N, C-alpha and C. Protein backbone atom coordinates (compact mmCIF):
# COMPACT_ATOMS: atom_id res chain seq x y z
N MET A 1 -9.30 -8.22 -2.86
CA MET A 1 -8.24 -8.20 -4.00
C MET A 1 -7.31 -8.76 -3.08
N ALA A 2 -5.59 -8.33 -3.06
CA ALA A 2 -4.73 -9.20 -3.05
C ALA A 2 -4.35 -8.70 -0.71
N ASP A 3 -5.41 -7.56 -0.54
CA ASP A 3 -5.37 -7.09 0.65
C ASP A 3 -6.10 -8.03 1.58
N SER A 4 -7.08 -8.84 0.54
CA SER A 4 -7.82 -9.88 1.27
C SER A 4 -7.11 -11.10 1.88
N GLN A 5 -5.69 -11.31 1.05
CA GLN A 5 -5.26 -12.62 1.27
C GLN A 5 -4.58 -12.20 2.62
N GLN A 6 -3.47 -10.47 2.54
CA GLN A 6 -2.56 -10.16 3.44
C GLN A 6 -2.96 -9.07 3.59
N PRO A 7 -3.02 -8.54 4.90
CA PRO A 7 -3.03 -6.85 4.85
C PRO A 7 -2.03 -5.83 4.29
N PHE A 8 -2.15 -5.47 3.43
CA PHE A 8 -0.71 -4.54 2.85
C PHE A 8 -0.14 -4.11 3.58
N MET A 9 -0.45 -3.33 4.49
CA MET A 9 0.08 -2.63 5.35
C MET A 9 -0.56 -2.62 6.75
N THR A 10 -0.01 -2.89 8.25
CA THR A 10 -0.55 -3.14 9.67
C THR A 10 0.35 -2.64 10.24
N ASN A 11 0.03 -1.73 11.72
CA ASN A 11 0.30 -1.61 12.60
C ASN A 11 2.01 -2.27 12.75
N THR A 12 2.01 -3.60 12.98
CA THR A 12 3.08 -4.35 13.34
C THR A 12 4.17 -4.80 11.76
N ASN A 13 3.46 -4.55 10.86
CA ASN A 13 4.22 -4.99 10.04
C ASN A 13 4.09 -3.55 8.55
N PRO A 14 4.58 -2.77 8.71
CA PRO A 14 4.14 -1.69 8.20
C PRO A 14 4.72 -1.78 6.75
N THR A 15 5.85 -2.73 6.04
CA THR A 15 6.34 -2.75 4.92
C THR A 15 6.49 -4.36 4.99
N PRO A 16 5.54 -4.80 4.70
CA PRO A 16 5.49 -6.52 3.99
C PRO A 16 6.14 -6.81 3.00
N LYS A 17 6.15 -8.02 2.71
CA LYS A 17 7.06 -8.19 1.42
C LYS A 17 6.12 -7.50 -0.26
N ARG A 18 5.24 -7.16 0.08
CA ARG A 18 4.60 -6.84 -1.35
C ARG A 18 5.40 -5.38 -1.47
N PHE A 19 5.50 -4.66 -0.44
CA PHE A 19 5.27 -3.04 -0.67
C PHE A 19 6.65 -2.91 -1.62
N PRO A 20 7.07 -3.40 -1.48
CA PRO A 20 8.96 -3.33 -2.04
C PRO A 20 8.83 -4.00 -3.61
N LEU A 21 8.02 -4.80 -3.64
CA LEU A 21 8.05 -5.24 -5.16
C LEU A 21 7.31 -4.48 -6.07
N LEU A 22 6.02 -3.31 -5.46
CA LEU A 22 5.46 -2.41 -5.77
C LEU A 22 6.23 -1.43 -6.36
N PHE A 23 6.72 -0.77 -5.19
CA PHE A 23 7.14 0.26 -5.73
C PHE A 23 8.94 0.86 -5.83
N THR A 24 9.25 -0.69 -6.30
CA THR A 24 10.78 -0.92 -6.90
C THR A 24 10.51 -1.25 -7.86
N HIS A 25 9.34 -1.83 -8.35
CA HIS A 25 9.69 -2.26 -10.24
C HIS A 25 8.37 -1.52 -11.10
N ARG A 26 8.25 -0.11 -10.53
CA ARG A 26 7.18 0.68 -11.18
C ARG A 26 6.66 0.51 -12.38
N ASP A 27 8.39 0.75 -13.59
CA ASP A 27 8.53 0.90 -14.86
C ASP A 27 7.76 -0.88 -15.11
N THR A 28 7.43 -1.91 -14.58
CA THR A 28 6.36 -3.43 -15.25
C THR A 28 5.86 -3.73 -14.38
N LEU A 29 4.93 -2.57 -13.75
CA LEU A 29 3.71 -3.19 -13.05
C LEU A 29 3.17 -3.04 -13.83
N PHE A 30 2.76 -3.02 -14.82
CA PHE A 30 1.31 -3.07 -15.79
C PHE A 30 1.51 -4.50 -17.08
N ASP A 31 3.02 -4.74 -16.16
CA ASP A 31 3.53 -6.23 -17.63
C ASP A 31 3.00 -7.72 -16.99
N GLN A 32 1.81 -8.41 -17.47
CA GLN A 32 1.27 -8.97 -16.77
C GLN A 32 1.72 -10.50 -16.12
N LEU A 33 3.22 -10.80 -17.02
CA LEU A 33 3.72 -11.54 -16.95
C LEU A 33 4.59 -11.10 -15.30
N THR A 34 5.35 -10.38 -15.48
CA THR A 34 5.76 -10.08 -14.53
C THR A 34 4.80 -9.87 -12.88
N LEU A 35 3.81 -9.22 -13.23
CA LEU A 35 2.88 -8.94 -12.27
C LEU A 35 2.48 -10.13 -11.48
N PHE A 36 2.34 -11.41 -12.38
CA PHE A 36 2.04 -13.04 -11.79
C PHE A 36 3.37 -13.16 -10.73
N ALA A 37 4.60 -13.44 -11.73
CA ALA A 37 5.94 -13.27 -11.26
C ALA A 37 5.98 -12.48 -9.59
N ARG A 38 5.29 -11.33 -9.64
CA ARG A 38 5.57 -10.54 -8.49
C ARG A 38 4.32 -11.05 -7.33
N SER A 39 3.47 -11.41 -7.67
CA SER A 39 2.61 -12.00 -6.93
C SER A 39 2.86 -13.32 -6.41
N LYS A 40 3.51 -14.00 -6.79
CA LYS A 40 3.96 -15.32 -6.50
C LYS A 40 4.90 -14.82 -5.66
N GLN A 41 6.06 -14.03 -6.12
CA GLN A 41 7.34 -13.90 -4.94
C GLN A 41 6.41 -13.08 -3.09
N ALA A 42 5.31 -12.45 -3.74
CA ALA A 42 4.76 -11.87 -2.52
C ALA A 42 3.86 -13.18 -1.65
N GLY A 43 3.90 -14.36 -2.02
CA GLY A 43 3.23 -15.24 -1.29
C GLY A 43 1.44 -15.35 -1.71
N LEU A 44 0.96 -14.25 -3.08
CA LEU A 44 -0.23 -14.61 -2.81
C LEU A 44 -0.74 -15.75 -3.71
N ASP A 45 -2.04 -16.50 -3.90
CA ASP A 45 -2.86 -17.04 -4.13
C ASP A 45 -2.74 -16.61 -5.57
N ARG A 46 -2.38 -17.34 -6.75
CA ARG A 46 -2.38 -17.08 -8.06
C ARG A 46 -3.88 -16.89 -8.29
N SER A 47 -4.46 -18.18 -8.27
CA SER A 47 -5.60 -18.12 -8.42
C SER A 47 -7.03 -17.14 -8.02
N ARG A 48 -6.94 -16.41 -6.79
CA ARG A 48 -7.51 -15.80 -6.57
C ARG A 48 -6.97 -14.09 -7.05
N PHE A 49 -6.08 -14.58 -6.80
CA PHE A 49 -5.48 -12.99 -7.60
C PHE A 49 -5.94 -12.76 -8.90
N GLU A 50 -5.39 -13.75 -10.12
CA GLU A 50 -5.93 -13.60 -11.48
C GLU A 50 -7.89 -13.39 -11.21
N GLU A 51 -8.48 -14.14 -9.98
CA GLU A 51 -9.84 -13.76 -10.14
C GLU A 51 -9.93 -12.27 -9.67
N CYS A 52 -9.41 -11.59 -8.95
CA CYS A 52 -9.63 -10.26 -8.16
C CYS A 52 -8.79 -8.95 -9.69
N LEU A 53 -8.35 -9.34 -10.50
CA LEU A 53 -7.55 -8.73 -11.48
C LEU A 53 -9.30 -8.84 -12.48
N LYS A 54 -9.46 -9.69 -12.60
CA LYS A 54 -10.92 -9.59 -13.39
C LYS A 54 -11.94 -8.95 -13.47
N ASN A 55 -12.46 -9.24 -12.00
CA ASN A 55 -14.09 -8.91 -11.25
C ASN A 55 -13.51 -7.83 -10.01
N GLU A 56 -13.06 -7.53 -9.28
CA GLU A 56 -13.03 -7.32 -8.42
C GLU A 56 -12.29 -5.71 -8.56
N GLY A 57 -11.02 -6.17 -8.73
CA GLY A 57 -10.20 -5.51 -8.91
C GLY A 57 -10.27 -4.16 -9.62
N PRO A 58 -10.86 -4.30 -10.52
CA PRO A 58 -10.83 -2.87 -11.80
C PRO A 58 -11.79 -2.04 -11.13
N ARG A 59 -13.32 -2.62 -10.66
CA ARG A 59 -14.19 -2.26 -9.76
C ARG A 59 -13.61 -1.11 -9.00
N VAL A 60 -13.02 -1.79 -8.04
CA VAL A 60 -12.39 -1.49 -6.89
C VAL A 60 -11.78 0.13 -7.20
N VAL A 61 -11.00 -0.03 -8.03
CA VAL A 61 -10.20 1.08 -8.25
C VAL A 61 -11.17 2.08 -9.39
N LYS A 62 -11.89 1.88 -10.00
CA LYS A 62 -12.87 3.12 -10.41
C LYS A 62 -13.55 3.40 -9.68
N ALA A 63 -13.96 2.83 -8.71
CA ALA A 63 -14.87 3.41 -7.24
C ALA A 63 -14.34 4.50 -6.92
N ASP A 64 -12.71 4.35 -6.51
CA ASP A 64 -12.02 4.96 -5.94
C ASP A 64 -11.41 6.15 -6.55
N GLU A 65 -11.49 6.08 -7.39
CA GLU A 65 -11.26 6.79 -8.68
C GLU A 65 -12.33 8.54 -8.54
N ALA A 66 -13.44 7.34 -8.89
CA ALA A 66 -14.48 8.44 -9.24
C ALA A 66 -14.76 9.50 -7.82
N GLY A 67 -14.83 8.52 -6.45
CA GLY A 67 -15.00 9.55 -5.32
C GLY A 67 -13.74 10.30 -5.19
N ALA A 68 -12.53 9.73 -5.63
CA ALA A 68 -11.80 10.84 -5.53
C ALA A 68 -11.93 12.19 -6.32
N SER A 69 -12.14 11.98 -7.89
CA SER A 69 -12.36 13.57 -8.38
C SER A 69 -13.78 13.80 -7.96
N THR A 70 -14.84 13.52 -7.47
CA THR A 70 -15.72 14.11 -6.59
C THR A 70 -15.30 15.32 -5.57
N ILE A 71 -14.40 14.86 -4.92
CA ILE A 71 -13.19 15.96 -4.42
C ILE A 71 -12.27 16.94 -4.83
N GLY A 72 -11.89 16.46 -6.38
CA GLY A 72 -11.16 17.17 -6.41
C GLY A 72 -9.60 16.64 -6.93
N ILE A 73 -9.60 15.45 -6.40
CA ILE A 73 -8.11 14.93 -6.71
C ILE A 73 -8.44 14.13 -8.18
N VAL A 74 -7.21 14.68 -8.89
CA VAL A 74 -7.25 13.70 -10.23
C VAL A 74 -5.89 13.10 -10.69
N SER A 75 -5.11 13.56 -9.46
CA SER A 75 -3.78 12.73 -9.91
C SER A 75 -3.26 12.28 -8.77
N THR A 76 -1.83 11.52 -8.81
CA THR A 76 -1.29 11.01 -7.39
C THR A 76 0.38 11.72 -7.87
N PRO A 77 0.98 12.08 -7.03
CA PRO A 77 0.65 11.87 -5.46
C PRO A 77 -0.36 12.97 -4.88
N PHE A 78 -1.07 13.34 -3.85
CA PHE A 78 -2.02 13.99 -3.72
C PHE A 78 -2.17 14.00 -2.19
N PHE A 79 -2.18 15.07 -1.29
CA PHE A 79 -2.16 15.04 0.65
C PHE A 79 -2.82 15.68 0.69
N LEU A 80 -3.92 15.48 1.30
CA LEU A 80 -4.95 15.71 2.45
C LEU A 80 -4.21 16.39 3.56
N VAL A 81 -4.80 17.81 3.87
CA VAL A 81 -4.24 18.14 5.62
C VAL A 81 -5.40 18.28 6.39
N GLY A 82 -5.88 18.27 7.05
CA GLY A 82 -6.56 18.45 8.36
C GLY A 82 -7.01 18.29 9.33
N THR A 83 -8.03 18.36 10.01
CA THR A 83 -7.81 17.47 11.43
C THR A 83 -8.90 16.87 11.83
N ALA A 84 -8.93 16.10 12.57
CA ALA A 84 -9.78 14.76 12.38
C ALA A 84 -11.08 15.03 13.19
N VAL A 85 -12.06 14.66 12.46
CA VAL A 85 -13.24 15.18 13.19
C VAL A 85 -14.09 13.75 14.26
N SER A 86 -13.25 12.49 13.59
CA SER A 86 -13.93 10.95 13.56
C SER A 86 -12.91 10.41 13.18
N ASP A 87 -13.25 9.03 14.21
CA ASP A 87 -12.65 7.83 13.36
C ASP A 87 -12.41 7.97 11.97
N THR A 88 -13.43 7.93 11.07
CA THR A 88 -13.57 8.28 9.78
C THR A 88 -13.45 9.56 8.84
N GLU A 89 -13.58 10.13 9.37
CA GLU A 89 -14.05 11.75 8.86
C GLU A 89 -12.77 12.71 8.99
N MET A 90 -12.61 13.79 8.20
CA MET A 90 -12.11 14.78 8.31
C MET A 90 -11.80 16.06 7.86
N LYS A 91 -11.77 16.89 8.68
CA LYS A 91 -12.35 18.92 7.62
C LYS A 91 -10.54 18.59 7.41
N VAL A 92 -10.82 18.87 6.03
CA VAL A 92 -9.94 19.12 5.33
C VAL A 92 -9.58 20.64 5.37
N ARG A 93 -8.27 21.10 5.72
CA ARG A 93 -7.97 22.51 5.35
C ARG A 93 -7.31 22.63 4.49
N ASP A 94 -6.53 21.99 3.94
CA ASP A 94 -5.52 22.72 2.75
C ASP A 94 -4.86 20.67 1.96
N PHE A 95 -4.63 21.21 1.42
CA PHE A 95 -3.81 20.13 0.53
C PHE A 95 -2.48 20.34 -0.73
N VAL A 96 -1.83 19.46 -0.53
CA VAL A 96 -0.60 19.24 -1.50
C VAL A 96 -0.92 18.39 -2.87
N LYS A 97 -0.39 18.60 -4.03
CA LYS A 97 -0.76 18.21 -4.92
C LYS A 97 0.61 18.08 -5.81
N GLY A 98 1.16 16.57 -6.23
CA GLY A 98 2.08 16.09 -7.27
C GLY A 98 3.42 16.29 -5.81
N ALA A 99 4.36 15.54 -6.60
CA ALA A 99 5.79 15.53 -5.67
C ALA A 99 6.21 17.11 -5.52
N GLN A 100 6.20 17.33 -3.87
CA GLN A 100 7.14 18.77 -3.60
C GLN A 100 7.80 18.13 -2.58
N PRO A 101 8.90 19.49 -2.21
CA PRO A 101 9.65 19.55 -1.63
C PRO A 101 8.81 19.46 -0.09
N LEU A 102 9.70 19.42 1.10
CA LEU A 102 9.47 19.21 2.25
C LEU A 102 9.19 20.65 3.10
N SER A 103 9.80 21.67 2.61
CA SER A 103 9.09 23.12 2.77
C SER A 103 7.48 23.17 2.22
N LYS A 104 7.25 22.66 1.53
CA LYS A 104 5.78 22.52 0.88
C LYS A 104 4.95 21.92 2.22
N PHE A 105 5.41 21.32 2.38
CA PHE A 105 4.55 20.26 3.29
C PHE A 105 4.86 20.93 4.77
N GLN A 106 5.55 21.37 4.83
CA GLN A 106 6.02 21.84 6.15
C GLN A 106 4.85 23.69 6.23
N GLU A 107 4.95 24.01 5.19
CA GLU A 107 3.88 25.46 4.68
C GLU A 107 2.60 24.91 5.13
N VAL A 108 2.16 23.92 4.43
CA VAL A 108 0.84 23.48 4.46
C VAL A 108 0.23 23.12 5.93
N ILE A 109 1.02 22.21 6.68
CA ILE A 109 0.79 21.78 7.61
C ILE A 109 0.34 22.83 8.99
N ASP A 110 1.44 23.87 8.70
CA ASP A 110 2.25 25.28 9.42
C ASP A 110 0.27 25.79 9.35
N ARG A 111 -0.04 26.30 8.57
CA ARG A 111 -1.66 26.82 8.41
C ARG A 111 -2.37 25.92 8.69
N ALA A 112 -2.71 24.74 8.47
CA ALA A 112 -3.75 23.77 9.01
C ALA A 112 -3.78 24.09 10.84
N ILE A 113 -2.33 24.13 11.22
CA ILE A 113 -2.44 23.96 12.48
C ILE A 113 -3.06 25.50 12.87
N ALA A 114 -2.55 26.92 12.46
CA ALA A 114 -3.02 28.12 12.62
C ALA A 114 -4.57 27.95 12.79
N VAL A 115 -5.12 27.35 12.27
CA VAL A 115 -6.24 27.53 11.82
C VAL A 115 -7.36 27.04 13.19
N PRO A 116 -7.89 27.67 13.75
CA PRO A 116 -9.13 27.05 15.08
C PRO A 116 -9.87 26.49 14.67
N ARG A 117 -9.94 25.19 15.32
CA ARG A 117 -10.89 24.10 15.17
C ARG A 117 -12.29 24.83 15.40
């Protein structure tokens, strides 16, 4: 996907030029001409980007959706709160679904911290 051309976010560059293009123009995100113009602004190779949109991209998105739905995630935003078990695993203690105020996150995090490991 586009990430194969340049990481979307890294520790040294958490907001590369693609990030604002995506999140400040959500109203036209799925307009193909606009999408190609933004990919050019972001420095992506057009032919690789088109290939991704036709082949790899939809498969990856569908696999992510299927994986999320198996654990009850059917909308965004959705935040899992828990304890790291390993570098790749987490024991989920709670979740926050939808756009919520900071106080909701604090409540859920405080509850997760209070549970013994």
